Amino acid sequence: MTDVPAAAAGDGQRSGPRPVATEPGLWNIANILTMVRLLLVPGFVLLMFAGGGHDAGWRSLAWAAFTIAMITDLLDGELARRRNLVTDFGKIADPIADKAIMGAALVCLSALDDLPWWVTVTILTREFGITLLRFWVIRHGVIPASKGGKLKTLAQGIGVGMYILALTGVLATLRWWVMAAAVALTVGTGLDYVGRAISTRRAGLARGRADGR
């Protein structure tokens, strides 16, 4: 009888235990950036109201904190996907951090009479409404982010950032147009998401009935 290595025998399966995939640890770079964004929120709010709320120096520091938060928003998700650092904590904390910094900025601006309350209410209603909608359809499928949604996020970030700064003259007029575009994209992409969510749920229910569930 000829000796044959185990790896070559039978159906060619390797001997020994197979490696078990494990979730990345909590303290990875993507989650740390998300935590930094969450920690920036209270500091940002304090800077917004420092010096009476309209001091150019304090508002510039608040803008810097807001900008850092927006940069971490871009980086943490990209790093999590590229380096396989997706965790349950990140899935929950990342959207909370996104809405916390944007919501804080909008509420602060409206409280200081720099931004109409209807703008803040419109944007926050859309953001939290879409979050609830995701939970409504999550068992039927995941709705990917659209190009319009990414453009909306960019417009919101630029518009809010321009309002945080104490701008005057032409730049003050420009920021109004940027915010108007952000609101239009917010409403438009929100309606598009509602339509896609309804279609996804209907398709999921149809598959369930076909499978006899």
N, C-alpha and C. Protein backbone atom coordinates (compact mmCIF):
# COMPACT_ATOMS: atom_id res chain seq x y z
N MET A 1 0.86 -1.19 0.00
CA MET A 1 0.00 0.00 0.00
C MET A 1 0.89 1.23 0.00
N THR A 2 0.63 2.17 -0.91
CA THR A 2 1.47 3.35 -1.04
C THR A 2 0.99 4.45 -0.11
N ASP A 3 1.94 5.07 0.61
CA ASP A 3 1.59 6.18 1.49
C ASP A 3 1.22 7.40 0.64
N VAL A 4 0.09 8.02 0.93
CA VAL A 4 -0.36 9.20 0.21
C VAL A 4 -0.60 10.32 1.22
N PRO A 5 -0.06 11.51 0.97
CA PRO A 5 -0.29 12.62 1.90
C PRO A 5 -1.78 12.87 2.08
N ALA A 6 -2.15 13.25 3.30
CA ALA A 6 -3.57 13.45 3.61
C ALA A 6 -4.20 14.50 2.72
N ALA A 7 -3.43 15.56 2.35
CA ALA A 7 -4.00 16.64 1.54
C ALA A 7 -4.36 16.16 0.15
N ALA A 8 -3.69 15.07 -0.34
CA ALA A 8 -3.95 14.58 -1.69
C ALA A 8 -4.92 13.44 -1.72
N ALA A 9 -5.26 12.87 -0.56
CA ALA A 9 -6.11 11.70 -0.52
C ALA A 9 -7.58 12.07 -0.56
N GLY A 10 -8.41 11.07 -0.92
CA GLY A 10 -9.86 11.24 -0.90
C GLY A 10 -10.30 12.39 -1.76
N ASP A 11 -11.08 13.33 -1.17
CA ASP A 11 -11.63 14.43 -1.95
C ASP A 11 -10.73 15.66 -1.93
N GLY A 12 -9.53 15.48 -1.42
CA GLY A 12 -8.57 16.58 -1.46
C GLY A 12 -8.75 17.58 -0.33
N GLN A 13 -9.56 17.27 0.68
CA GLN A 13 -9.74 18.20 1.79
C GLN A 13 -8.51 18.22 2.67
N ARG A 14 -8.21 19.38 3.19
CA ARG A 14 -7.04 19.50 4.08
C ARG A 14 -7.39 18.99 5.47
N SER A 15 -6.37 18.39 6.10
CA SER A 15 -6.56 17.91 7.46
C SER A 15 -6.36 19.05 8.44
N GLY A 16 -6.88 18.89 9.64
CA GLY A 16 -6.69 19.91 10.66
C GLY A 16 -7.87 20.86 10.70
N PRO A 17 -7.97 21.61 11.79
CA PRO A 17 -9.10 22.53 11.94
C PRO A 17 -9.03 23.69 10.97
N ARG A 18 -10.19 24.13 10.51
CA ARG A 18 -10.25 25.27 9.61
C ARG A 18 -10.25 26.56 10.42
N PRO A 19 -9.65 27.61 9.86
CA PRO A 19 -9.63 28.87 10.58
C PRO A 19 -11.04 29.45 10.72
N VAL A 20 -11.33 30.02 11.87
CA VAL A 20 -12.64 30.59 12.15
C VAL A 20 -12.56 32.11 12.03
N ALA A 21 -13.45 32.67 11.20
CA ALA A 21 -13.44 34.12 11.02
C ALA A 21 -13.91 34.80 12.29
N THR A 22 -13.20 35.81 12.73
CA THR A 22 -13.54 36.53 13.94
C THR A 22 -13.77 38.00 13.62
N GLU A 23 -14.64 38.64 14.39
CA GLU A 23 -14.92 40.07 14.19
C GLU A 23 -13.73 40.87 14.67
N PRO A 24 -13.37 41.94 13.97
CA PRO A 24 -12.26 42.79 14.41
C PRO A 24 -12.52 43.33 15.81
N GLY A 25 -11.45 43.63 16.54
CA GLY A 25 -11.59 44.15 17.88
C GLY A 25 -12.24 45.52 17.90
N LEU A 26 -12.76 45.88 19.06
CA LEU A 26 -13.44 47.18 19.21
C LEU A 26 -12.48 48.34 18.96
N TRP A 27 -11.25 48.21 19.45
CA TRP A 27 -10.30 49.32 19.35
C TRP A 27 -9.52 49.26 18.04
N ASN A 28 -10.23 49.49 16.95
CA ASN A 28 -9.57 49.62 15.66
C ASN A 28 -9.70 51.05 15.17
N ILE A 29 -8.95 51.41 14.15
CA ILE A 29 -8.86 52.80 13.71
C ILE A 29 -10.21 53.36 13.29
N ALA A 30 -11.04 52.54 12.64
CA ALA A 30 -12.36 53.02 12.18
C ALA A 30 -13.24 53.39 13.37
N ASN A 31 -13.29 52.51 14.37
CA ASN A 31 -14.12 52.79 15.55
C ASN A 31 -13.56 53.95 16.37
N ILE A 32 -12.26 54.08 16.43
CA ILE A 32 -11.66 55.19 17.17
C ILE A 32 -12.05 56.52 16.54
N LEU A 33 -12.04 56.59 15.20
CA LEU A 33 -12.45 57.81 14.52
C LEU A 33 -13.93 58.12 14.79
N THR A 34 -14.76 57.09 14.86
CA THR A 34 -16.17 57.29 15.18
C THR A 34 -16.31 57.85 16.59
N MET A 35 -15.53 57.29 17.53
CA MET A 35 -15.58 57.78 18.92
C MET A 35 -15.11 59.23 19.01
N VAL A 36 -14.07 59.57 18.24
CA VAL A 36 -13.58 60.94 18.22
C VAL A 36 -14.69 61.88 17.77
N ARG A 37 -15.44 61.47 16.75
CA ARG A 37 -16.53 62.30 16.23
C ARG A 37 -17.60 62.51 17.29
N LEU A 38 -17.92 61.47 18.04
CA LEU A 38 -18.90 61.58 19.11
C LEU A 38 -18.41 62.53 20.21
N LEU A 39 -17.13 62.42 20.56
CA LEU A 39 -16.56 63.26 21.61
C LEU A 39 -16.47 64.72 21.19
N LEU A 40 -16.39 64.97 19.89
CA LEU A 40 -16.31 66.35 19.40
C LEU A 40 -17.63 67.10 19.55
N VAL A 41 -18.74 66.38 19.63
CA VAL A 41 -20.06 67.03 19.64
C VAL A 41 -20.22 68.00 20.81
N PRO A 42 -20.02 67.57 22.09
CA PRO A 42 -20.19 68.54 23.19
C PRO A 42 -19.21 69.69 23.12
N GLY A 43 -17.97 69.42 22.69
CA GLY A 43 -16.99 70.49 22.54
C GLY A 43 -17.42 71.48 21.47
N PHE A 44 -17.95 70.97 20.38
CA PHE A 44 -18.44 71.83 19.30
C PHE A 44 -19.55 72.74 19.80
N VAL A 45 -20.50 72.20 20.55
CA VAL A 45 -21.62 72.99 21.06
C VAL A 45 -21.12 74.11 21.98
N LEU A 46 -20.17 73.80 22.84
CA LEU A 46 -19.61 74.82 23.74
C LEU A 46 -18.94 75.93 22.94
N LEU A 47 -18.22 75.57 21.90
CA LEU A 47 -17.55 76.57 21.07
C LEU A 47 -18.56 77.44 20.33
N MET A 48 -19.68 76.86 19.91
CA MET A 48 -20.69 77.61 19.18
C MET A 48 -21.30 78.72 20.04
N PHE A 49 -21.47 78.45 21.34
CA PHE A 49 -22.12 79.44 22.21
C PHE A 49 -21.13 80.29 23.01
N ALA A 50 -19.85 80.00 22.86
CA ALA A 50 -18.84 80.78 23.57
C ALA A 50 -18.82 82.22 23.05
N GLY A 51 -18.56 83.15 23.96
CA GLY A 51 -18.48 84.55 23.56
C GLY A 51 -19.78 85.12 23.08
N GLY A 52 -20.91 84.58 23.55
CA GLY A 52 -22.21 85.09 23.15
C GLY A 52 -22.76 84.45 21.90
N GLY A 53 -21.99 83.56 21.28
CA GLY A 53 -22.49 82.82 20.12
C GLY A 53 -22.17 83.43 18.78
N HIS A 54 -21.65 84.66 18.77
CA HIS A 54 -21.37 85.30 17.48
C HIS A 54 -19.96 85.88 17.41
N ASP A 55 -19.10 85.39 18.27
CA ASP A 55 -17.70 85.83 18.23
C ASP A 55 -16.98 85.10 17.09
N ALA A 56 -16.34 85.87 16.22
CA ALA A 56 -15.71 85.29 15.03
C ALA A 56 -14.63 84.27 15.39
N GLY A 57 -13.86 84.55 16.45
CA GLY A 57 -12.79 83.63 16.84
C GLY A 57 -13.32 82.29 17.32
N TRP A 58 -14.32 82.33 18.22
CA TRP A 58 -14.90 81.09 18.72
C TRP A 58 -15.61 80.32 17.61
N ARG A 59 -16.27 81.05 16.72
CA ARG A 59 -16.97 80.38 15.62
C ARG A 59 -15.98 79.72 14.67
N SER A 60 -14.80 80.30 14.51
CA SER A 60 -13.77 79.67 13.67
C SER A 60 -13.30 78.36 14.29
N LEU A 61 -13.16 78.34 15.62
CA LEU A 61 -12.78 77.11 16.30
C LEU A 61 -13.89 76.06 16.19
N ALA A 62 -15.14 76.52 16.28
CA ALA A 62 -16.27 75.60 16.13
C ALA A 62 -16.27 75.02 14.72
N TRP A 63 -15.96 75.85 13.73
CA TRP A 63 -15.88 75.37 12.35
C TRP A 63 -14.79 74.31 12.20
N ALA A 64 -13.65 74.53 12.87
CA ALA A 64 -12.55 73.56 12.81
C ALA A 64 -12.99 72.22 13.40
N ALA A 65 -13.70 72.27 14.54
CA ALA A 65 -14.19 71.03 15.16
C ALA A 65 -15.19 70.33 14.24
N PHE A 66 -16.07 71.10 13.63
CA PHE A 66 -17.07 70.53 12.71
C PHE A 66 -16.39 69.90 11.50
N THR A 67 -15.38 70.58 10.96
CA THR A 67 -14.67 70.06 9.79
C THR A 67 -13.94 68.77 10.10
N ILE A 68 -13.30 68.71 11.27
CA ILE A 68 -12.62 67.48 11.69
C ILE A 68 -13.62 66.34 11.79
N ALA A 69 -14.80 66.63 12.35
CA ALA A 69 -15.84 65.60 12.48
C ALA A 69 -16.28 65.10 11.12
N MET A 70 -16.45 66.02 10.16
CA MET A 70 -16.86 65.63 8.81
C MET A 70 -15.78 64.78 8.12
N ILE A 71 -14.51 65.10 8.36
CA ILE A 71 -13.41 64.33 7.77
C ILE A 71 -13.39 62.92 8.34
N THR A 72 -13.59 62.79 9.66
CA THR A 72 -13.63 61.44 10.26
C THR A 72 -14.81 60.65 9.72
N ASP A 73 -15.91 61.34 9.39
CA ASP A 73 -17.07 60.67 8.80
C ASP A 73 -16.70 60.03 7.47
N LEU A 74 -15.89 60.74 6.69
CA LEU A 74 -15.46 60.19 5.40
C LEU A 74 -14.48 59.04 5.57
N LEU A 75 -13.61 59.16 6.58
CA LEU A 75 -12.52 58.20 6.72
C LEU A 75 -12.94 56.89 7.39
N ASP A 76 -13.77 56.96 8.45
CA ASP A 76 -14.01 55.73 9.21
C ASP A 76 -14.73 54.66 8.41
N GLY A 77 -15.73 55.06 7.63
CA GLY A 77 -16.44 54.07 6.82
C GLY A 77 -15.55 53.46 5.75
N GLU A 78 -14.73 54.32 5.11
CA GLU A 78 -13.84 53.84 4.06
C GLU A 78 -12.80 52.88 4.63
N LEU A 79 -12.24 53.22 5.78
CA LEU A 79 -11.24 52.36 6.42
C LEU A 79 -11.86 51.04 6.85
N ALA A 80 -13.08 51.10 7.38
CA ALA A 80 -13.75 49.88 7.84
C ALA A 80 -13.96 48.91 6.69
N ARG A 81 -14.33 49.43 5.52
CA ARG A 81 -14.57 48.56 4.36
C ARG A 81 -13.26 48.05 3.77
N ARG A 82 -12.29 48.91 3.62
CA ARG A 82 -11.03 48.51 2.97
C ARG A 82 -10.22 47.55 3.83
N ARG A 83 -10.22 47.74 5.14
CA ARG A 83 -9.40 46.92 6.04
C ARG A 83 -10.20 45.85 6.76
N ASN A 84 -11.45 45.67 6.34
CA ASN A 84 -12.30 44.66 6.95
C ASN A 84 -12.41 44.87 8.46
N LEU A 85 -12.76 46.10 8.84
CA LEU A 85 -12.86 46.47 10.25
C LEU A 85 -14.31 46.74 10.66
N VAL A 86 -15.25 46.17 9.91
CA VAL A 86 -16.67 46.38 10.22
C VAL A 86 -17.03 45.62 11.49
N THR A 87 -17.60 46.32 12.48
CA THR A 87 -18.01 45.71 13.74
C THR A 87 -19.45 46.10 14.05
N ASP A 88 -20.05 45.35 14.97
CA ASP A 88 -21.42 45.68 15.39
C ASP A 88 -21.45 47.07 16.02
N PHE A 89 -20.42 47.41 16.78
CA PHE A 89 -20.35 48.74 17.39
C PHE A 89 -20.34 49.82 16.31
N GLY A 90 -19.53 49.62 15.28
CA GLY A 90 -19.43 50.61 14.21
C GLY A 90 -20.73 50.78 13.47
N LYS A 91 -21.45 49.68 13.24
CA LYS A 91 -22.72 49.75 12.52
C LYS A 91 -23.73 50.62 13.27
N ILE A 92 -23.66 50.60 14.61
CA ILE A 92 -24.60 51.37 15.41
C ILE A 92 -24.08 52.79 15.67
N ALA A 93 -22.80 52.89 16.05
CA ALA A 93 -22.25 54.17 16.47
C ALA A 93 -22.02 55.13 15.32
N ASP A 94 -21.65 54.62 14.14
CA ASP A 94 -21.32 55.50 13.02
C ASP A 94 -22.50 56.39 12.61
N PRO A 95 -23.69 55.82 12.33
CA PRO A 95 -24.80 56.71 11.97
C PRO A 95 -25.23 57.63 13.10
N ILE A 96 -25.09 57.17 14.35
CA ILE A 96 -25.42 58.03 15.49
C ILE A 96 -24.48 59.23 15.54
N ALA A 97 -23.19 58.98 15.33
CA ALA A 97 -22.21 60.06 15.34
C ALA A 97 -22.45 61.04 14.20
N ASP A 98 -22.81 60.52 13.03
CA ASP A 98 -23.09 61.39 11.88
C ASP A 98 -24.24 62.35 12.19
N LYS A 99 -25.33 61.80 12.70
CA LYS A 99 -26.51 62.61 12.97
C LYS A 99 -26.30 63.52 14.17
N ALA A 100 -25.47 63.09 15.12
CA ALA A 100 -25.22 63.90 16.32
C ALA A 100 -24.50 65.20 15.97
N ILE A 101 -23.44 65.13 15.17
CA ILE A 101 -22.69 66.34 14.84
C ILE A 101 -23.49 67.24 13.92
N MET A 102 -24.16 66.68 12.93
CA MET A 102 -24.96 67.50 12.01
C MET A 102 -26.16 68.10 12.72
N GLY A 103 -26.83 67.28 13.54
CA GLY A 103 -27.98 67.78 14.29
C GLY A 103 -27.59 68.88 15.26
N ALA A 104 -26.47 68.69 15.95
CA ALA A 104 -26.00 69.70 16.90
C ALA A 104 -25.71 71.01 16.19
N ALA A 105 -25.06 70.94 15.02
CA ALA A 105 -24.74 72.15 14.25
C ALA A 105 -26.00 72.88 13.82
N LEU A 106 -26.97 72.14 13.29
CA LEU A 106 -28.21 72.76 12.82
C LEU A 106 -28.99 73.41 13.96
N VAL A 107 -29.13 72.70 15.08
CA VAL A 107 -29.87 73.23 16.22
C VAL A 107 -29.18 74.46 16.79
N CYS A 108 -27.85 74.41 16.89
CA CYS A 108 -27.10 75.57 17.39
C CYS A 108 -27.30 76.78 16.50
N LEU A 109 -27.22 76.59 15.19
CA LEU A 109 -27.37 77.70 14.25
C LEU A 109 -28.78 78.30 14.33
N SER A 110 -29.78 77.45 14.47
CA SER A 110 -31.15 77.96 14.57
C SER A 110 -31.38 78.65 15.92
N ALA A 111 -30.82 78.09 16.98
CA ALA A 111 -30.96 78.70 18.31
C ALA A 111 -30.30 80.08 18.36
N LEU A 112 -29.26 80.28 17.55
CA LEU A 112 -28.56 81.56 17.48
C LEU A 112 -29.15 82.49 16.42
N ASP A 113 -30.26 82.08 15.83
CA ASP A 113 -30.96 82.86 14.79
C ASP A 113 -30.12 83.08 13.54
N ASP A 114 -29.21 82.17 13.26
CA ASP A 114 -28.42 82.25 12.04
C ASP A 114 -29.04 81.44 10.91
N LEU A 115 -29.88 80.49 11.25
CA LEU A 115 -30.49 79.59 10.26
C LEU A 115 -31.96 79.40 10.62
N PRO A 116 -32.88 79.56 9.66
CA PRO A 116 -34.30 79.38 9.96
C PRO A 116 -34.59 77.99 10.53
N TRP A 117 -35.49 77.94 11.49
CA TRP A 117 -35.82 76.66 12.12
C TRP A 117 -36.42 75.68 11.12
N TRP A 118 -37.12 76.17 10.08
CA TRP A 118 -37.74 75.24 9.14
C TRP A 118 -36.68 74.44 8.38
N VAL A 119 -35.50 75.06 8.17
CA VAL A 119 -34.41 74.33 7.50
C VAL A 119 -33.93 73.19 8.40
N THR A 120 -33.71 73.50 9.66
CA THR A 120 -33.25 72.48 10.62
C THR A 120 -34.26 71.36 10.75
N VAL A 121 -35.54 71.71 10.89
CA VAL A 121 -36.59 70.69 11.04
C VAL A 121 -36.70 69.82 9.79
N THR A 122 -36.60 70.43 8.62
CA THR A 122 -36.69 69.68 7.36
C THR A 122 -35.57 68.66 7.25
N ILE A 123 -34.35 69.10 7.51
CA ILE A 123 -33.20 68.20 7.37
C ILE A 123 -33.23 67.09 8.41
N LEU A 124 -33.51 67.44 9.67
CA LEU A 124 -33.50 66.42 10.73
C LEU A 124 -34.66 65.44 10.58
N THR A 125 -35.82 65.94 10.12
CA THR A 125 -36.95 65.03 9.89
C THR A 125 -36.60 64.01 8.82
N ARG A 126 -35.93 64.47 7.76
CA ARG A 126 -35.52 63.56 6.68
C ARG A 126 -34.52 62.54 7.20
N GLU A 127 -33.50 63.00 7.94
CA GLU A 127 -32.44 62.09 8.38
C GLU A 127 -32.96 61.02 9.34
N PHE A 128 -33.74 61.44 10.34
CA PHE A 128 -34.26 60.46 11.30
C PHE A 128 -35.36 59.60 10.68
N GLY A 129 -36.12 60.19 9.76
CA GLY A 129 -37.15 59.40 9.08
C GLY A 129 -36.56 58.29 8.24
N ILE A 130 -35.47 58.59 7.54
CA ILE A 130 -34.81 57.57 6.72
C ILE A 130 -34.21 56.48 7.59
N THR A 131 -33.70 56.86 8.77
CA THR A 131 -33.15 55.85 9.69
C THR A 131 -34.24 54.87 10.11
N LEU A 132 -35.41 55.38 10.44
CA LEU A 132 -36.54 54.50 10.80
C LEU A 132 -36.96 53.64 9.62
N LEU A 133 -36.90 54.23 8.43
CA LEU A 133 -37.27 53.50 7.23
C LEU A 133 -36.32 52.33 6.98
N ARG A 134 -35.04 52.53 7.28
CA ARG A 134 -34.06 51.45 7.11
C ARG A 134 -34.43 50.25 7.98
N PHE A 135 -34.84 50.51 9.22
CA PHE A 135 -35.24 49.42 10.10
C PHE A 135 -36.51 48.74 9.59
N TRP A 136 -37.37 49.50 8.93
CA TRP A 136 -38.63 48.96 8.41
C TRP A 136 -38.39 47.94 7.30
N VAL A 137 -37.35 48.16 6.51
CA VAL A 137 -37.12 47.28 5.34
C VAL A 137 -35.89 46.39 5.50
N ILE A 138 -35.20 46.45 6.64
CA ILE A 138 -33.91 45.77 6.76
C ILE A 138 -34.02 44.26 6.55
N ARG A 139 -35.13 43.65 6.93
CA ARG A 139 -35.27 42.20 6.75
C ARG A 139 -35.54 41.82 5.31
N HIS A 140 -35.86 42.79 4.49
CA HIS A 140 -36.14 42.53 3.07
C HIS A 140 -34.96 42.88 2.16
N GLY A 141 -34.01 43.64 2.66
CA GLY A 141 -32.85 44.00 1.85
C GLY A 141 -32.25 45.31 2.29
N VAL A 142 -31.03 45.55 1.83
CA VAL A 142 -30.32 46.78 2.16
C VAL A 142 -30.37 47.71 0.95
N ILE A 143 -30.74 48.95 1.19
CA ILE A 143 -30.81 49.94 0.11
C ILE A 143 -29.49 50.69 0.06
N PRO A 144 -28.72 50.55 -1.01
CA PRO A 144 -27.41 51.21 -1.09
C PRO A 144 -27.55 52.72 -1.21
N ALA A 145 -26.51 53.42 -0.75
CA ALA A 145 -26.51 54.88 -0.86
C ALA A 145 -26.43 55.27 -2.33
N SER A 146 -27.21 56.27 -2.69
CA SER A 146 -27.22 56.74 -4.07
C SER A 146 -26.22 57.88 -4.24
N LYS A 147 -25.92 58.21 -5.50
CA LYS A 147 -25.04 59.34 -5.77
C LYS A 147 -25.66 60.64 -5.26
N GLY A 148 -26.99 60.72 -5.39
CA GLY A 148 -27.69 61.89 -4.89
C GLY A 148 -27.55 62.03 -3.38
N GLY A 149 -27.58 60.90 -2.68
CA GLY A 149 -27.43 60.92 -1.23
C GLY A 149 -26.04 61.39 -0.82
N LYS A 150 -25.03 60.96 -1.55
CA LYS A 150 -23.67 61.40 -1.24
C LYS A 150 -23.51 62.89 -1.54
N LEU A 151 -24.13 63.35 -2.62
CA LEU A 151 -24.07 64.76 -2.96
C LEU A 151 -24.81 65.59 -1.91
N LYS A 152 -25.92 65.04 -1.40
CA LYS A 152 -26.68 65.70 -0.34
C LYS A 152 -25.83 65.89 0.90
N THR A 153 -25.12 64.84 1.29
CA THR A 153 -24.25 64.91 2.47
C THR A 153 -23.16 65.96 2.28
N LEU A 154 -22.57 66.00 1.09
CA LEU A 154 -21.53 66.98 0.80
C LEU A 154 -22.09 68.40 0.86
N ALA A 155 -23.27 68.61 0.25
CA ALA A 155 -23.87 69.94 0.24
C ALA A 155 -24.24 70.39 1.66
N GLN A 156 -24.77 69.46 2.46
CA GLN A 156 -25.10 69.79 3.85
C GLN A 156 -23.85 70.19 4.62
N GLY A 157 -22.78 69.42 4.45
CA GLY A 157 -21.54 69.70 5.17
C GLY A 157 -20.96 71.06 4.81
N ILE A 158 -20.94 71.36 3.50
CA ILE A 158 -20.41 72.66 3.05
C ILE A 158 -21.31 73.80 3.50
N GLY A 159 -22.63 73.63 3.32
CA GLY A 159 -23.57 74.67 3.70
C GLY A 159 -23.54 74.99 5.18
N VAL A 160 -23.60 73.96 6.01
CA VAL A 160 -23.57 74.16 7.46
C VAL A 160 -22.23 74.76 7.88
N GLY A 161 -21.15 74.27 7.28
CA GLY A 161 -19.83 74.82 7.60
C GLY A 161 -19.73 76.31 7.29
N MET A 162 -20.34 76.73 6.18
CA MET A 162 -20.31 78.14 5.81
C MET A 162 -21.15 78.98 6.77
N TYR A 163 -22.23 78.40 7.29
CA TYR A 163 -23.04 79.13 8.27
C TYR A 163 -22.36 79.22 9.62
N ILE A 164 -21.56 78.23 9.96
CA ILE A 164 -20.84 78.27 11.23
C ILE A 164 -19.84 79.42 11.24
N LEU A 165 -19.17 79.63 10.12
CA LEU A 165 -18.24 80.75 10.01
C LEU A 165 -19.00 82.08 9.97
N ALA A 166 -18.39 83.09 10.54
CA ALA A 166 -19.02 84.42 10.55
C ALA A 166 -18.74 85.11 9.21
N LEU A 167 -19.44 84.70 8.16
CA LEU A 167 -19.20 85.24 6.82
C LEU A 167 -20.05 86.49 6.58
N THR A 168 -19.54 87.34 5.75
CA THR A 168 -20.27 88.56 5.39
C THR A 168 -20.18 88.79 3.88
N GLY A 169 -20.98 89.73 3.38
CA GLY A 169 -20.91 90.12 1.98
C GLY A 169 -21.33 89.01 1.03
N VAL A 170 -20.54 88.86 -0.04
CA VAL A 170 -20.86 87.90 -1.10
C VAL A 170 -20.88 86.48 -0.57
N LEU A 171 -19.97 86.15 0.34
CA LEU A 171 -19.91 84.79 0.89
C LEU A 171 -21.15 84.47 1.71
N ALA A 172 -21.70 85.47 2.38
CA ALA A 172 -22.92 85.25 3.15
C ALA A 172 -24.08 84.93 2.21
N THR A 173 -24.10 85.57 1.05
CA THR A 173 -25.13 85.28 0.05
C THR A 173 -24.91 83.90 -0.57
N LEU A 174 -23.65 83.56 -0.83
CA LEU A 174 -23.32 82.27 -1.42
C LEU A 174 -23.74 81.11 -0.52
N ARG A 175 -23.53 81.28 0.79
CA ARG A 175 -23.87 80.18 1.69
C ARG A 175 -25.37 79.91 1.69
N TRP A 176 -26.18 80.98 1.46
CA TRP A 176 -27.63 80.79 1.39
C TRP A 176 -27.98 79.88 0.22
N TRP A 177 -27.34 80.11 -0.93
CA TRP A 177 -27.61 79.28 -2.11
C TRP A 177 -27.14 77.85 -1.92
N VAL A 178 -26.00 77.69 -1.25
CA VAL A 178 -25.50 76.34 -0.98
C VAL A 178 -26.47 75.60 -0.06
N MET A 179 -26.97 76.28 0.97
CA MET A 179 -27.92 75.65 1.89
C MET A 179 -29.24 75.35 1.19
N ALA A 180 -29.66 76.24 0.28
CA ALA A 180 -30.89 75.99 -0.47
C ALA A 180 -30.74 74.73 -1.32
N ALA A 181 -29.56 74.55 -1.93
CA ALA A 181 -29.30 73.35 -2.72
C ALA A 181 -29.29 72.12 -1.81
N ALA A 182 -28.72 72.25 -0.61
CA ALA A 182 -28.68 71.14 0.34
C ALA A 182 -30.08 70.72 0.76
N VAL A 183 -30.95 71.70 1.00
CA VAL A 183 -32.33 71.39 1.39
C VAL A 183 -33.07 70.70 0.24
N ALA A 184 -32.87 71.20 -0.98
CA ALA A 184 -33.52 70.58 -2.14
C ALA A 184 -33.06 69.13 -2.32
N LEU A 185 -31.76 68.90 -2.18
CA LEU A 185 -31.23 67.53 -2.29
C LEU A 185 -31.72 66.66 -1.14
N THR A 186 -31.85 67.25 0.04
CA THR A 186 -32.33 66.51 1.21
C THR A 186 -33.73 65.99 0.97
N VAL A 187 -34.61 66.87 0.48
CA VAL A 187 -36.00 66.48 0.22
C VAL A 187 -36.09 65.51 -0.96
N GLY A 188 -35.37 65.82 -2.04
CA GLY A 188 -35.41 64.97 -3.23
C GLY A 188 -34.91 63.57 -2.99
N THR A 189 -33.75 63.45 -2.34
CA THR A 189 -33.20 62.11 -2.06
C THR A 189 -34.03 61.38 -1.03
N GLY A 190 -34.67 62.13 -0.12
CA GLY A 190 -35.55 61.49 0.86
C GLY A 190 -36.73 60.83 0.20
N LEU A 191 -37.36 61.54 -0.74
CA LEU A 191 -38.50 60.98 -1.48
C LEU A 191 -38.07 59.77 -2.31
N ASP A 192 -36.87 59.88 -2.92
CA ASP A 192 -36.34 58.76 -3.71
C ASP A 192 -36.11 57.54 -2.82
N TYR A 193 -35.60 57.77 -1.62
CA TYR A 193 -35.33 56.65 -0.70
C TYR A 193 -36.64 55.99 -0.26
N VAL A 194 -37.67 56.80 -0.02
CA VAL A 194 -38.97 56.24 0.37
C VAL A 194 -39.49 55.33 -0.74
N GLY A 195 -39.37 55.79 -2.00
CA GLY A 195 -39.82 54.96 -3.12
C GLY A 195 -39.05 53.66 -3.22
N ARG A 196 -37.72 53.73 -3.06
CA ARG A 196 -36.91 52.51 -3.14
C ARG A 196 -37.18 51.58 -1.96
N ALA A 197 -37.46 52.15 -0.80
CA ALA A 197 -37.75 51.33 0.38
C ALA A 197 -39.06 50.57 0.19
N ILE A 198 -40.07 51.24 -0.35
CA ILE A 198 -41.36 50.58 -0.59
C ILE A 198 -41.19 49.45 -1.61
N SER A 199 -40.41 49.71 -2.68
CA SER A 199 -40.18 48.69 -3.71
C SER A 199 -39.42 47.50 -3.12
N THR A 200 -38.42 47.79 -2.28
CA THR A 200 -37.64 46.72 -1.66
C THR A 200 -38.50 45.86 -0.76
N ARG A 201 -39.37 46.49 0.01
CA ARG A 201 -40.25 45.74 0.91
C ARG A 201 -41.24 44.89 0.13
N ARG A 202 -41.81 45.45 -0.92
CA ARG A 202 -42.76 44.68 -1.74
C ARG A 202 -42.09 43.48 -2.37
N ALA A 203 -40.86 43.69 -2.86
CA ALA A 203 -40.12 42.58 -3.48
C ALA A 203 -39.82 41.51 -2.44
N GLY A 204 -39.46 41.93 -1.23
CA GLY A 204 -39.16 40.98 -0.16
C GLY A 204 -40.40 40.18 0.24
N LEU A 205 -41.54 40.85 0.33
CA LEU A 205 -42.78 40.15 0.68
C LEU A 205 -43.18 39.18 -0.42
N ALA A 206 -42.96 39.58 -1.68
CA ALA A 206 -43.28 38.69 -2.80
C ALA A 206 -42.41 37.43 -2.76
N ARG A 207 -41.11 37.62 -2.47
CA ARG A 207 -40.22 36.45 -2.37
C ARG A 207 -40.66 35.54 -1.23
N GLY A 208 -41.08 36.16 -0.12
CA GLY A 208 -41.55 35.37 1.01
C GLY A 208 -42.77 34.52 0.68
N ARG A 209 -43.71 35.11 -0.04
CA ARG A 209 -44.91 34.35 -0.43
C ARG A 209 -44.54 33.25 -1.42
N ALA A 210 -43.60 33.52 -2.33
CA ALA A 210 -43.19 32.50 -3.30
C ALA A 210 -42.50 31.33 -2.60
N ASP A 211 -41.77 31.63 -1.52
CA ASP A 211 -41.07 30.58 -0.77
C ASP A 211 -41.99 29.88 0.22
N GLY A 212 -43.23 30.33 0.32
CA GLY A 212 -44.18 29.70 1.21
C GLY A 212 -44.03 30.09 2.65
N ARG A 213 -43.39 31.24 2.91
CA ARG A 213 -43.23 31.67 4.31
C ARG A 213 -44.52 32.26 4.85
